Amino acid sequence: MVITADIPLASEVIDAGGHALNPRGEFYSPENIRQRLNMRDFMDTMRSSGVQMGGPAAFSQRDRQAFANQLDRFLARKVAD
């Protein structure tokens, strides 16, 4: 289990059979990681070409709660296994 906002790292973890959760409570999965990588690469290309873009929203209490809930669910499943 890796907790990271680094999408390429999350992709490597998933490819190796691990689990990756971002700090906002969203699990990366084989089904969504390619889309996330493509969007990351697109945004990087846009920034490199000089397009000014805003960053992510501020980390909120809702994000903290979503993260805690997902982590609790994951740990409960692993303990049950």
N, C-alpha and C. Protein backbone atom coordinates (compact mmCIF):
# COMPACT_ATOMS: atom_id res chain seq x y z
N MET A 1 0.85 -1.17 0.00
CA MET A 1 0.00 0.00 0.00
C MET A 1 0.89 1.23 0.00
N VAL A 2 0.66 2.08 -0.97
CA VAL A 2 1.39 3.33 -1.07
C VAL A 2 0.37 4.46 -1.04
N ILE A 3 0.68 5.48 -0.27
CA ILE A 3 -0.13 6.70 -0.25
C ILE A 3 0.67 7.75 -0.98
N THR A 4 0.13 8.21 -2.12
CA THR A 4 0.88 9.15 -2.95
C THR A 4 -0.03 9.95 -3.86
N ALA A 5 0.41 11.16 -4.17
CA ALA A 5 -0.24 11.97 -5.19
C ALA A 5 0.56 11.89 -6.49
N ASP A 6 1.67 11.15 -6.47
CA ASP A 6 2.54 10.99 -7.63
C ASP A 6 1.94 9.91 -8.53
N ILE A 7 1.33 10.32 -9.62
CA ILE A 7 0.61 9.40 -10.48
C ILE A 7 1.54 8.38 -11.15
N PRO A 8 2.72 8.78 -11.67
CA PRO A 8 3.61 7.75 -12.23
C PRO A 8 4.04 6.71 -11.18
N LEU A 9 4.28 7.13 -9.95
CA LEU A 9 4.61 6.19 -8.89
C LEU A 9 3.43 5.26 -8.63
N ALA A 10 2.23 5.81 -8.56
CA ALA A 10 1.04 4.98 -8.35
C ALA A 10 0.90 3.95 -9.47
N SER A 11 1.19 4.35 -10.69
CA SER A 11 1.12 3.43 -11.82
C SER A 11 2.10 2.28 -11.65
N GLU A 12 3.32 2.58 -11.23
CA GLU A 12 4.32 1.54 -11.02
C GLU A 12 3.88 0.58 -9.91
N VAL A 13 3.32 1.13 -8.85
CA VAL A 13 2.85 0.30 -7.74
C VAL A 13 1.74 -0.64 -8.21
N ILE A 14 0.80 -0.11 -8.97
CA ILE A 14 -0.31 -0.93 -9.47
C ILE A 14 0.21 -2.00 -10.43
N ASP A 15 1.14 -1.62 -11.30
CA ASP A 15 1.71 -2.59 -12.24
C ASP A 15 2.43 -3.72 -11.51
N ALA A 16 2.95 -3.42 -10.32
CA ALA A 16 3.64 -4.43 -9.52
C ALA A 16 2.68 -5.23 -8.64
N GLY A 17 1.38 -4.94 -8.74
CA GLY A 17 0.39 -5.68 -7.97
C GLY A 17 0.04 -5.08 -6.62
N GLY A 18 0.53 -3.86 -6.38
CA GLY A 18 0.25 -3.20 -5.11
C GLY A 18 -1.00 -2.35 -5.17
N HIS A 19 -1.21 -1.59 -4.12
CA HIS A 19 -2.36 -0.69 -4.01
C HIS A 19 -1.84 0.72 -3.82
N ALA A 20 -2.55 1.70 -4.41
CA ALA A 20 -2.16 3.09 -4.28
C ALA A 20 -3.38 3.95 -3.97
N LEU A 21 -3.24 4.78 -2.97
CA LEU A 21 -4.31 5.68 -2.51
C LEU A 21 -3.75 7.09 -2.49
N ASN A 22 -4.50 8.04 -3.05
CA ASN A 22 -4.00 9.41 -2.99
C ASN A 22 -4.48 10.08 -1.70
N PRO A 23 -3.82 11.18 -1.32
CA PRO A 23 -4.15 11.83 -0.04
C PRO A 23 -5.57 12.39 0.04
N ARG A 24 -6.27 12.44 -1.08
CA ARG A 24 -7.65 12.93 -1.07
C ARG A 24 -8.66 11.79 -0.99
N GLY A 25 -8.16 10.55 -0.81
CA GLY A 25 -9.04 9.43 -0.58
C GLY A 25 -9.49 8.69 -1.83
N GLU A 26 -8.78 8.86 -2.92
CA GLU A 26 -9.14 8.17 -4.16
C GLU A 26 -8.14 7.06 -4.45
N PHE A 27 -8.65 5.84 -4.59
CA PHE A 27 -7.77 4.74 -4.94
C PHE A 27 -7.46 4.80 -6.42
N TYR A 28 -6.20 4.58 -6.74
CA TYR A 28 -5.82 4.38 -8.13
C TYR A 28 -6.03 2.91 -8.42
N SER A 29 -6.48 2.60 -9.61
CA SER A 29 -6.75 1.22 -9.96
C SER A 29 -6.26 0.97 -11.39
N PRO A 30 -6.19 -0.29 -11.78
CA PRO A 30 -5.82 -0.58 -13.18
C PRO A 30 -6.82 0.05 -14.15
N GLU A 31 -8.06 0.23 -13.71
CA GLU A 31 -9.08 0.81 -14.58
C GLU A 31 -8.94 2.32 -14.74
N ASN A 32 -8.41 3.03 -13.74
CA ASN A 32 -8.36 4.50 -13.85
C ASN A 32 -6.96 5.09 -13.97
N ILE A 33 -5.92 4.30 -13.77
CA ILE A 33 -4.57 4.88 -13.73
C ILE A 33 -4.12 5.39 -15.09
N ARG A 34 -4.47 4.72 -16.17
CA ARG A 34 -4.05 5.18 -17.51
C ARG A 34 -4.68 6.54 -17.82
N GLN A 35 -5.93 6.70 -17.48
CA GLN A 35 -6.61 7.98 -17.69
C GLN A 35 -5.91 9.08 -16.89
N ARG A 36 -5.56 8.79 -15.66
CA ARG A 36 -4.87 9.77 -14.80
C ARG A 36 -3.50 10.13 -15.38
N LEU A 37 -2.78 9.11 -15.87
CA LEU A 37 -1.47 9.38 -16.49
C LEU A 37 -1.62 10.24 -17.74
N ASN A 38 -2.62 9.92 -18.57
CA ASN A 38 -2.84 10.71 -19.78
C ASN A 38 -3.18 12.15 -19.45
N MET A 39 -4.02 12.37 -18.45
CA MET A 39 -4.38 13.74 -18.05
C MET A 39 -3.17 14.46 -17.48
N ARG A 40 -2.37 13.77 -16.69
CA ARG A 40 -1.15 14.37 -16.12
C ARG A 40 -0.21 14.80 -17.24
N ASP A 41 -0.01 13.92 -18.22
CA ASP A 41 0.87 14.24 -19.34
C ASP A 41 0.33 15.40 -20.16
N PHE A 42 -0.98 15.43 -20.38
CA PHE A 42 -1.61 16.52 -21.11
C PHE A 42 -1.40 17.85 -20.39
N MET A 43 -1.63 17.84 -19.07
CA MET A 43 -1.46 19.08 -18.30
C MET A 43 0.00 19.52 -18.30
N ASP A 44 0.92 18.59 -18.25
CA ASP A 44 2.34 18.91 -18.31
C ASP A 44 2.69 19.55 -19.65
N THR A 45 2.13 19.02 -20.72
CA THR A 45 2.35 19.59 -22.06
C THR A 45 1.79 21.01 -22.12
N MET A 46 0.62 21.21 -21.56
CA MET A 46 0.01 22.54 -21.57
C MET A 46 0.87 23.53 -20.79
N ARG A 47 1.34 23.13 -19.61
CA ARG A 47 2.19 24.02 -18.82
C ARG A 47 3.49 24.33 -19.55
N SER A 48 4.06 23.33 -20.21
CA SER A 48 5.31 23.51 -20.93
C SER A 48 5.16 24.47 -22.11
N SER A 49 3.96 24.54 -22.66
CA SER A 49 3.73 25.43 -23.79
C SER A 49 3.37 26.85 -23.34
N GLY A 50 3.36 27.07 -22.02
CA GLY A 50 3.14 28.41 -21.50
C GLY A 50 1.72 28.71 -21.06
N VAL A 51 0.84 27.77 -21.15
CA VAL A 51 -0.54 27.99 -20.71
C VAL A 51 -0.56 28.05 -19.18
N GLN A 52 -1.11 29.13 -18.65
CA GLN A 52 -1.22 29.29 -17.20
C GLN A 52 -2.45 28.55 -16.71
N MET A 53 -2.23 27.66 -15.76
CA MET A 53 -3.33 26.88 -15.24
C MET A 53 -3.31 26.96 -13.72
N GLY A 54 -4.46 26.86 -13.13
CA GLY A 54 -4.53 26.86 -11.67
C GLY A 54 -4.13 25.49 -11.13
N GLY A 55 -3.77 25.47 -9.90
CA GLY A 55 -3.41 24.21 -9.26
C GLY A 55 -4.63 23.51 -8.70
N PRO A 56 -4.40 22.46 -7.97
CA PRO A 56 -5.53 21.73 -7.37
C PRO A 56 -6.20 22.56 -6.28
N ALA A 57 -7.41 22.20 -5.97
CA ALA A 57 -8.14 22.88 -4.90
C ALA A 57 -7.41 22.65 -3.57
N ALA A 58 -7.61 23.55 -2.64
CA ALA A 58 -7.00 23.40 -1.32
C ALA A 58 -7.48 22.12 -0.66
N PHE A 59 -6.60 21.51 0.11
CA PHE A 59 -6.92 20.28 0.82
C PHE A 59 -7.94 20.61 1.90
N SER A 60 -9.07 19.93 1.88
CA SER A 60 -10.18 20.28 2.78
C SER A 60 -10.44 19.19 3.83
N GLN A 61 -11.31 19.52 4.75
CA GLN A 61 -11.73 18.54 5.75
C GLN A 61 -12.44 17.36 5.08
N ARG A 62 -13.17 17.64 4.03
CA ARG A 62 -13.84 16.58 3.27
C ARG A 62 -12.81 15.62 2.68
N ASP A 63 -11.69 16.17 2.17
CA ASP A 63 -10.61 15.34 1.63
C ASP A 63 -10.02 14.45 2.73
N ARG A 64 -9.78 15.04 3.88
CA ARG A 64 -9.25 14.27 5.02
C ARG A 64 -10.18 13.12 5.39
N GLN A 65 -11.47 13.41 5.44
CA GLN A 65 -12.45 12.40 5.81
C GLN A 65 -12.53 11.30 4.75
N ALA A 66 -12.50 11.68 3.46
CA ALA A 66 -12.54 10.69 2.39
C ALA A 66 -11.32 9.78 2.46
N PHE A 67 -10.16 10.37 2.74
CA PHE A 67 -8.94 9.58 2.87
C PHE A 67 -9.06 8.60 4.04
N ALA A 68 -9.48 9.09 5.19
CA ALA A 68 -9.61 8.24 6.38
C ALA A 68 -10.60 7.10 6.13
N ASN A 69 -11.71 7.40 5.47
CA ASN A 69 -12.71 6.37 5.19
C ASN A 69 -12.16 5.29 4.27
N GLN A 70 -11.48 5.70 3.20
CA GLN A 70 -10.94 4.72 2.26
C GLN A 70 -9.86 3.87 2.91
N LEU A 71 -9.00 4.50 3.69
CA LEU A 71 -7.94 3.76 4.37
C LEU A 71 -8.54 2.76 5.36
N ASP A 72 -9.55 3.18 6.11
CA ASP A 72 -10.22 2.26 7.04
C ASP A 72 -10.83 1.07 6.31
N ARG A 73 -11.51 1.32 5.19
CA ARG A 73 -12.11 0.23 4.42
C ARG A 73 -11.05 -0.74 3.92
N PHE A 74 -9.96 -0.19 3.39
CA PHE A 74 -8.88 -1.03 2.88
C PHE A 74 -8.31 -1.90 3.99
N LEU A 75 -8.01 -1.29 5.12
CA LEU A 75 -7.42 -2.05 6.24
C LEU A 75 -8.39 -3.11 6.77
N ALA A 76 -9.65 -2.79 6.83
CA ALA A 76 -10.65 -3.76 7.29
C ALA A 76 -10.72 -4.95 6.35
N ARG A 77 -10.64 -4.70 5.05
CA ARG A 77 -10.64 -5.81 4.09
C ARG A 77 -9.40 -6.68 4.26
N LYS A 78 -8.25 -6.05 4.46
CA LYS A 78 -7.01 -6.81 4.59
C LYS A 78 -6.99 -7.63 5.88
N VAL A 79 -7.54 -7.09 6.94
CA VAL A 79 -7.60 -7.83 8.20
C VAL A 79 -8.55 -9.02 8.05
N ALA A 80 -9.64 -8.83 7.32
CA ALA A 80 -10.62 -9.90 7.11
C ALA A 80 -10.07 -11.03 6.24
N ASP A 81 -9.11 -10.68 5.37
CA ASP A 81 -8.52 -11.70 4.47
C ASP A 81 -7.63 -12.56 5.26
